Structure formats: C-alpha cells, structure tokens
C-alpha cells in the first residue's frame, strides 16, 4: 500500500462498488466508499484538504463517512467540493447526494443551476461583498420584500423587479447591496441595473463563472437606527438560456416575502411549484403545486415571515 497500513474502514473496494455508491448514495456511504477506493487514511485526506486551503478535522471526516453528521457550513461544503477532486470523483457526485438527490450522474433538469454552482456562488458572494466593503445586511433589516420575475418568449429570465421595505439597525446607513444570480450561461456584464425609486446605482461588481452580480444602490438620505425606508430597483437580464426556477436566499432576519413569476403568452409551463431549502446543499422540502392564472399567466407565493435559507418557485416546460 502506498500510504502504509490501512484502517479497517478504508479498505480498497472494487470500482463497480464505488460507482454504485455514487449513484445511489446515501452521502456517507459514497464518501466512505470513495475514500476506501483511493486507499487513503483520514489523516491523508485531511492533509490533502489543507493543500486546498480547507481546514477540516479528522474527527469531522470520520463523522461524515459514518453518517453521524452532515456537512452544512460553508467551509464544510467547500471541503466536499475539494473532496470530489482529491478522490478523483465526477463533478457534483458528492454534492448531489448531500442534497438528497440520487439521479444518474449527469442528469438534472435542463437549465437548472447545479448544487456545486450554488455552493461556489456562496463563496464568490462573500468576496464581492468584501470588495464593496459591506456585510450582507449592511445595517438593514428587511420588513417587507416583493420580487416580480418575468420569463420571456424563449423561456429565458427577462427581468426581475424588487420592492423593499427596510429598517436600519444602526446609524448612518445610506445604501443597499442588491444581488442577482443569473441562470447558467448568463453574461453578467450585460445585465442592466435600474434604480427605480428612492435610490441610484453606485458600484457594480460581477463574476462570470457563477453568474453573480452585486449592485450598490445609494439612498438619497442617511438613515438613523430605527428609521424605515422604501426603495425599488430592477435587473434586466435576458442573457441566458432556458430558465426553470427562481430562488431567493435569506439571512437570519427577514420579514414578509412575496414572489410572482409571470410568463410570456408564447411560453407557458405545464406545471409550477413552490419549495424551500435550508442551504444550497440541503434537501428541498415544502413542495406545493401552484396553479397558473390563465388571465395573468403568473404564479406567486407569499411567506409571512421568511426564515434563514432559501425559498423559490420552479416550473416544468414539458
């Protein structure tokens, strides 16, 4: 053995066994089988992770492959992405199992954003916010928030308009950082930002590979702690291909949220549904079918008080 004496739980396994574990899961079985297939003790796995700039303890790795714990924090999810490369596994093979999906490798809904891309985007977002010298909430709590999404005749995400009601929880707040995550294949540098009411556009930063765009919206006043403020803005997109869902992420504090998706008359989906998700790599839950309004060609959801995580609407074209 190249790495000396092997532990009993990492004995080499046949390639067919590894392939079956990656296809069927669950996550901890696939991880344990992949580590065993490469003949790596956990100490070596930890060493390889450190070379990727990811710090994970041997105890945590042991818990993950036993099923006693699941990777959930951003650093842990970055470790899972690195493990796919270290263990020479197909892209998304572990992430998709962590998300609770057990589909054939390479499967998925056309136009959908992969779990790996969502996890990658969370790290990129942190970098873009740091570049704009701001935490995500920027000293503001959301009281109410409405998103109006338009899907075009070619099934693409044409635009998203947002109405915000916020309350400052510190003095001197005079801006908001708006985030847009385009569909796969979008061109973020061509996405237009429109400051529509009580704000104006400041700096804009984007990341091509993940389709993320962050726009600084400057208020016409400085807020004191406790002040409320209303503003409206929009992203004009239309740069990607087929869209099949719209997802919104929320931090620890969130008020009422309403999402409406309106479809072009020439391109109506066959069914729509709402869903929630605790994190980018967590299983989806709270699925509920939504009825498409014939006159308005739209569906919507209303969350009276959003929790930390993600909520969205998905649709099928055929």
Protein backbone atom coordinates (compact mmCIF):
# COMPACT_ATOMS: atom_id res chain seq x y z
CA UNK A 1 0.00 0.00 0.00
CA UNK A 2 1.42 3.43 -0.88
CA UNK A 3 0.38 5.04 2.38
CA UNK A 4 1.33 2.29 4.83
CA UNK A 5 -1.08 0.29 6.98
CA UNK A 6 -4.72 0.93 6.16
CA UNK A 7 -7.52 1.27 8.68
CA UNK A 8 -10.30 -1.30 8.51
CA UNK A 9 -12.84 1.30 7.38
CA UNK A 10 -10.81 2.38 4.35
CA UNK A 11 -10.02 -1.00 2.80
CA UNK A 12 -9.84 -0.83 -1.02
CA UNK A 13 -13.06 -1.58 -2.88
CA UNK A 14 -13.96 -2.51 -6.44
CA UNK A 15 -14.68 0.26 -9.00
CA UNK A 16 -18.20 -1.12 -9.55
CA UNK A 17 -18.94 -0.75 -5.83
CA UNK A 18 -17.78 2.87 -5.90
CA UNK A 19 -19.90 3.63 -8.97
CA UNK A 20 -22.97 2.12 -7.31
CA UNK A 21 -22.38 4.13 -4.12
CA UNK A 22 -22.03 7.39 -6.07
CA UNK A 23 -25.23 6.72 -7.99
CA UNK A 24 -27.41 5.52 -5.17
CA UNK A 25 -25.92 7.06 -2.03
CA UNK A 26 -26.50 7.94 0.66
CA UNK A 27 -23.82 10.59 1.05
CA UNK A 28 -21.92 9.00 3.93
CA UNK A 29 -21.75 5.61 2.19
CA UNK A 30 -20.50 7.20 -1.04
CA UNK A 31 -17.86 9.21 0.84
CA UNK A 32 -16.67 6.19 2.83
CA UNK A 33 -16.53 4.05 -0.31
CA UNK A 34 -14.63 6.72 -2.28
CA UNK A 35 -12.04 7.14 0.47
CA UNK A 36 -11.61 3.38 0.67
CA UNK A 37 -11.32 3.07 -3.12
CA UNK A 38 -8.39 5.50 -3.09
CA UNK A 39 -6.73 3.72 -0.15
CA UNK A 40 -6.40 6.92 1.87
CA UNK A 41 -6.43 7.09 5.68
CA UNK A 42 -8.32 10.07 7.05
CA UNK A 43 -5.10 11.79 8.10
CA UNK A 44 -4.01 11.88 4.44
CA UNK A 45 -7.42 13.15 3.35
CA UNK A 46 -7.12 15.95 5.91
CA UNK A 47 -3.64 16.78 4.61
CA UNK A 48 -4.88 17.00 1.02
CA UNK A 49 -7.76 19.26 2.11
CA UNK A 50 -5.31 21.61 3.81
CA UNK A 51 -3.48 21.99 0.49
CA UNK A 52 -6.80 23.26 -0.93
CA UNK A 53 -6.98 25.82 1.87
CA UNK A 54 -9.77 23.92 3.64
CA UNK A 55 -9.47 23.04 7.31
CA UNK A 56 -11.48 20.01 8.47
CA UNK A 57 -10.65 17.82 11.46
CA UNK A 58 -10.14 14.06 11.21
CA UNK A 59 -13.00 13.62 13.69
CA UNK A 60 -15.37 15.55 11.41
CA UNK A 61 -14.32 13.46 8.41
CA UNK A 62 -14.95 10.32 10.42
CA UNK A 63 -18.40 11.54 11.45
CA UNK A 64 -19.23 12.42 7.82
CA UNK A 65 -18.39 8.95 6.49
CA UNK A 66 -20.24 7.27 9.37
CA UNK A 67 -23.39 9.34 8.81
CA UNK A 68 -23.22 10.77 12.33
CA UNK A 69 -23.03 14.33 10.95
CA UNK A 70 -23.57 16.05 7.59
CA UNK A 71 -21.51 18.90 6.10
CA UNK A 72 -23.63 22.07 6.27
CA UNK A 73 -21.49 25.12 7.00
CA UNK A 74 -19.93 26.98 4.02
CA UNK A 75 -16.44 25.77 4.97
CA UNK A 76 -17.71 22.19 5.14
CA UNK A 77 -19.39 22.47 1.74
CA UNK A 78 -16.15 23.81 0.28
CA UNK A 79 -14.48 20.72 1.72
CA UNK A 80 -16.96 18.47 -0.09
CA UNK A 81 -16.15 20.20 -3.39
CA UNK A 82 -12.44 19.68 -2.72
CA UNK A 83 -13.02 16.03 -1.81
CA UNK A 84 -14.53 15.38 -5.24
CA UNK A 85 -11.22 16.45 -6.79
CA UNK A 86 -8.97 14.81 -4.19
CA UNK A 87 -10.80 11.49 -4.53
CA UNK A 88 -10.95 11.81 -8.34
CA UNK A 89 -14.75 11.73 -8.45
CA UNK A 90 -17.11 13.14 -11.10
CA UNK A 91 -18.24 16.74 -10.61
CA UNK A 92 -21.25 17.05 -8.27
CA UNK A 93 -21.15 13.35 -7.36
CA UNK A 94 -20.95 14.04 -3.61
CA UNK A 95 -22.72 17.41 -3.57
CA UNK A 96 -25.84 15.97 -5.24
CA UNK A 97 -26.02 13.14 -2.70
CA UNK A 98 -25.62 15.63 0.12
CA UNK A 99 -28.58 17.47 -1.38
CA UNK A 100 -30.66 14.33 -1.23
CA UNK A 101 -30.74 13.58 -4.95
CA UNK A 102 -29.89 10.12 -6.31
CA UNK A 103 -30.25 10.59 -10.05
CA UNK A 104 -27.95 9.19 -12.73
CA UNK A 105 -24.72 11.18 -12.92
CA UNK A 106 -25.00 13.99 -15.41
CA UNK A 107 -28.79 14.12 -15.01
CA UNK A 108 -30.89 17.02 -13.78
CA UNK A 109 -33.36 19.50 -15.14
CA UNK A 110 -32.20 21.35 -18.24
CA UNK A 111 -31.27 24.92 -17.45
CA UNK A 112 -31.22 24.29 -13.69
CA UNK A 113 -28.37 25.57 -11.56
CA UNK A 114 -26.29 22.74 -10.08
CA UNK A 115 -25.73 22.30 -6.37
CA UNK A 116 -22.00 22.69 -6.92
CA UNK A 117 -22.56 26.07 -8.60
CA UNK A 118 -24.75 27.25 -5.70
CA UNK A 119 -22.08 26.32 -3.18
CA UNK A 120 -19.41 28.02 -5.31
CA UNK A 121 -21.57 31.13 -5.61
CA UNK A 122 -21.83 31.47 -1.83
CA UNK A 123 -18.04 31.84 -1.62
CA UNK A 124 -17.93 34.27 -4.56
CA UNK A 125 -20.68 36.39 -2.98
CA UNK A 126 -18.61 36.77 0.18
CA UNK A 127 -15.70 38.02 -1.95
CA UNK A 128 -17.83 40.52 -3.89
CA UNK A 129 -19.38 41.89 -0.69
CA UNK A 130 -15.92 42.23 0.84
CA UNK A 131 -14.78 44.11 -2.27
CA UNK A 132 -17.65 46.54 -1.72
CA UNK A 133 -16.72 46.77 1.96
CA UNK A 134 -20.05 45.63 3.34
CA UNK A 135 -21.63 42.71 5.20
CA UNK A 136 -24.68 41.19 3.56
CA UNK A 137 -27.35 43.05 5.57
CA UNK A 138 -25.40 46.35 5.52
CA UNK A 139 -27.07 47.57 8.72
CA UNK A 140 -30.60 46.92 7.45
CA UNK A 141 -33.38 44.53 8.43
CA UNK A 142 -35.98 43.67 5.80
CA UNK A 143 -39.58 44.29 6.84
CA UNK A 144 -41.20 43.52 3.50
CA UNK A 145 -39.91 42.39 0.12
CA UNK A 146 -41.59 41.67 -3.22
CA UNK A 147 -39.95 40.14 -6.30
CA UNK A 148 -41.63 40.26 -9.72
CA UNK A 149 -39.91 37.95 -12.20
CA UNK A 150 -40.64 37.96 -15.95
CA UNK A 151 -39.96 34.95 -18.18
CA UNK A 152 -39.70 35.68 -21.90
CA UNK A 153 -40.99 34.05 -25.07
CA UNK A 154 -37.80 32.00 -25.36
CA UNK A 155 -38.20 30.68 -21.79
CA UNK A 156 -35.44 32.97 -20.55
CA UNK A 157 -35.37 35.09 -17.39
CA UNK A 158 -36.03 38.55 -18.85
CA UNK A 159 -36.06 40.70 -15.74
CA UNK A 160 -36.62 40.89 -12.00
CA UNK A 161 -38.08 43.92 -10.23
CA UNK A 162 -37.80 44.22 -6.44
CA UNK A 163 -39.67 46.36 -3.92
CA UNK A 164 -38.06 46.67 -0.48
CA UNK A 165 -39.16 48.00 2.89
CA UNK A 166 -36.25 48.06 5.34
CA UNK A 167 -35.46 49.29 8.85
CA UNK A 168 -31.98 50.46 9.87
CA UNK A 169 -30.47 48.84 12.95
CA UNK A 170 -27.50 51.21 13.07
CA UNK A 171 -26.87 54.88 12.33
CA UNK A 172 -25.52 56.23 9.05
CA UNK A 173 -26.85 53.59 6.65
CA UNK A 174 -27.13 55.06 3.15
CA UNK A 175 -27.01 52.11 0.73
CA UNK A 176 -28.17 48.59 -0.02
CA UNK A 177 -26.32 45.85 -1.90
CA UNK A 178 -28.65 44.05 -4.32
CA UNK A 179 -27.66 40.57 -5.50
CA UNK A 180 -28.72 38.95 -8.78
CA UNK A 181 -27.84 35.33 -9.62
CA UNK A 182 -28.37 34.74 -13.31
CA UNK A 183 -29.25 31.41 -14.88
CA UNK A 184 -26.47 29.14 -16.22
CA UNK A 185 -24.86 30.63 -19.31
CA UNK A 186 -25.79 34.22 -18.48
CA UNK A 187 -23.48 37.15 -19.23
CA UNK A 188 -23.44 39.22 -16.02
CA UNK A 189 -21.56 42.15 -17.56
CA UNK A 190 -24.52 42.66 -19.93
CA UNK A 191 -27.17 42.60 -17.19
CA UNK A 192 -28.54 46.12 -16.63
CA UNK A 193 -29.30 47.54 -13.18
CA UNK A 194 -32.13 50.06 -12.89
CA UNK A 195 -32.58 52.15 -9.72
CA UNK A 196 -36.27 52.96 -9.98
CA UNK A 197 -37.34 54.70 -6.79
CA UNK A 198 -35.62 56.41 -3.82
CA UNK A 199 -32.16 55.16 -4.84
CA UNK A 200 -29.49 55.48 -7.51
CA UNK A 201 -26.97 52.98 -8.86
CA UNK A 202 -23.47 53.00 -7.42
CA UNK A 203 -20.71 50.46 -7.95
CA UNK A 204 -21.50 47.17 -9.72
CA UNK A 205 -19.41 44.01 -9.44
CA UNK A 206 -19.93 40.69 -11.21
CA UNK A 207 -18.42 37.22 -11.55
CA UNK A 208 -18.67 35.50 -14.94
CA UNK A 209 -18.31 31.83 -13.93
CA UNK A 210 -21.05 31.85 -11.30
CA UNK A 211 -23.34 34.42 -12.95
CA UNK A 212 -23.38 36.57 -9.81
CA UNK A 213 -23.87 40.33 -9.93
CA UNK A 214 -23.86 42.69 -6.93
CA UNK A 215 -25.09 46.27 -7.35
CA UNK A 216 -24.72 49.09 -4.86
CA UNK A 217 -27.93 51.12 -4.51
CA UNK A 218 -27.33 54.53 -2.92
CA UNK A 219 -30.09 56.17 -0.88
CA UNK A 220 -30.84 59.88 -1.01
CA UNK A 221 -30.59 60.10 2.78
CA UNK A 222 -28.67 58.68 5.72
CA UNK A 223 -30.80 56.53 7.98
CA UNK A 224 -30.71 56.57 11.77
CA UNK A 225 -31.20 53.41 13.78
CA UNK A 226 -34.92 52.59 13.76
CA UNK A 227 -35.68 54.54 10.56
CA UNK A 228 -37.66 52.79 7.82
CA UNK A 229 -37.09 53.23 4.10
CA UNK A 230 -38.77 52.13 0.86
CA UNK A 231 -36.97 51.67 -2.45
CA UNK A 232 -37.37 49.87 -5.76
CA UNK A 233 -34.90 48.54 -8.34
CA UNK A 234 -34.70 46.06 -11.20
CA UNK A 235 -32.27 43.79 -13.04
CA UNK A 236 -32.77 43.48 -16.81
CA UNK A 237 -31.29 40.13 -17.81
CA UNK A 238 -32.32 38.01 -20.81
CA UNK A 239 -28.72 36.85 -21.39
CA UNK A 240 -29.10 33.14 -20.55
CA UNK A 241 -30.97 30.17 -21.98
CA UNK A 242 -33.95 28.26 -20.63
CA UNK A 243 -34.95 29.17 -17.07
CA UNK A 244 -36.73 26.63 -14.87
CA UNK A 245 -36.76 28.20 -11.40
CA UNK A 246 -36.27 31.34 -9.37
CA UNK A 247 -34.73 31.06 -5.89
CA UNK A 248 -34.25 33.72 -3.22
CA UNK A 249 -31.87 33.35 -0.27
CA UNK A 250 -32.41 34.95 3.14
CA UNK A 251 -30.24 35.63 6.16
CA UNK A 252 -31.20 35.32 9.84
CA UNK A 253 -33.70 38.18 9.79
CA UNK A 254 -36.45 38.55 7.22
CA UNK A 255 -39.95 39.97 7.08
CA UNK A 256 -42.76 39.20 4.69
CA UNK A 257 -41.75 37.99 1.23
CA UNK A 258 -43.84 37.72 -1.94
CA UNK A 259 -42.63 36.26 -5.22
CA UNK A 260 -44.53 36.44 -8.50
CA UNK A 261 -43.34 34.80 -11.72
CA UNK A 262 -45.06 35.94 -14.93
CA UNK A 263 -44.67 34.03 -18.21
CA UNK A 264 -44.87 35.24 -21.79
CA UNK A 265 -48.03 34.14 -23.58
CA UNK A 266 -45.93 32.27 -26.14
CA UNK A 267 -44.16 30.19 -23.46
CA UNK A 268 -46.31 28.78 -20.69
CA UNK A 269 -45.07 25.97 -18.40
CA UNK A 270 -47.06 22.78 -17.90
CA UNK A 271 -46.80 22.91 -14.09
CA UNK A 272 -45.34 25.08 -11.30
CA UNK A 273 -44.50 24.52 -7.64
CA UNK A 274 -43.03 26.31 -4.61
CA UNK A 275 -40.23 24.87 -2.49
CA UNK A 276 -37.94 25.73 0.41
CA UNK A 277 -34.34 24.78 1.12
CA UNK A 278 -32.27 25.19 4.28
CA UNK A 279 -28.97 25.68 2.40
CA UNK A 280 -27.59 25.24 -1.16
CA UNK A 281 -26.69 21.59 -0.48
CA UNK A 282 -29.67 20.66 1.71
CA UNK A 283 -32.65 18.62 0.50
CA UNK A 284 -35.59 20.61 -0.81
CA UNK A 285 -38.84 20.48 1.12
CA UNK A 286 -42.18 22.29 1.45
CA UNK A 287 -43.15 21.46 -2.12
CA UNK A 288 -46.58 22.75 -3.07
CA UNK A 289 -48.17 22.82 -6.52
CA UNK A 290 -49.09 26.29 -7.79
CA UNK A 291 -51.93 26.99 -10.20
CA UNK A 292 -51.08 29.13 -13.21
CA UNK A 293 -53.52 32.01 -13.59
CA UNK A 294 -54.97 31.96 -17.09
CA UNK A 295 -55.60 35.71 -17.34
CA UNK A 296 -52.34 36.88 -15.80
CA UNK A 297 -50.12 33.96 -16.89
CA UNK A 298 -48.46 34.04 -13.48
CA UNK A 299 -47.95 32.16 -10.22
CA UNK A 300 -46.98 33.52 -6.82
CA UNK A 301 -46.14 32.67 -3.23
CA UNK A 302 -46.32 34.67 -0.01
CA UNK A 303 -44.22 33.95 3.07
CA UNK A 304 -45.49 35.84 6.11
CA UNK A 305 -42.10 35.66 7.81
CA UNK A 306 -39.16 34.13 5.98
CA UNK A 307 -36.61 32.04 7.81
CA UNK A 308 -32.90 31.74 7.15
CA UNK A 309 -32.45 29.70 3.99
CA UNK A 310 -33.99 29.70 0.52
CA UNK A 311 -37.47 29.82 -0.97
CA UNK A 312 -38.41 29.64 -4.62
CA UNK A 313 -40.71 28.68 -7.46
CA UNK A 314 -39.87 26.03 -10.03
CA UNK A 315 -41.63 25.08 -13.25
CA UNK A 316 -41.58 22.37 -15.94
CA UNK A 317 -41.80 23.16 -19.61
CA UNK A 318 -42.91 19.71 -20.80
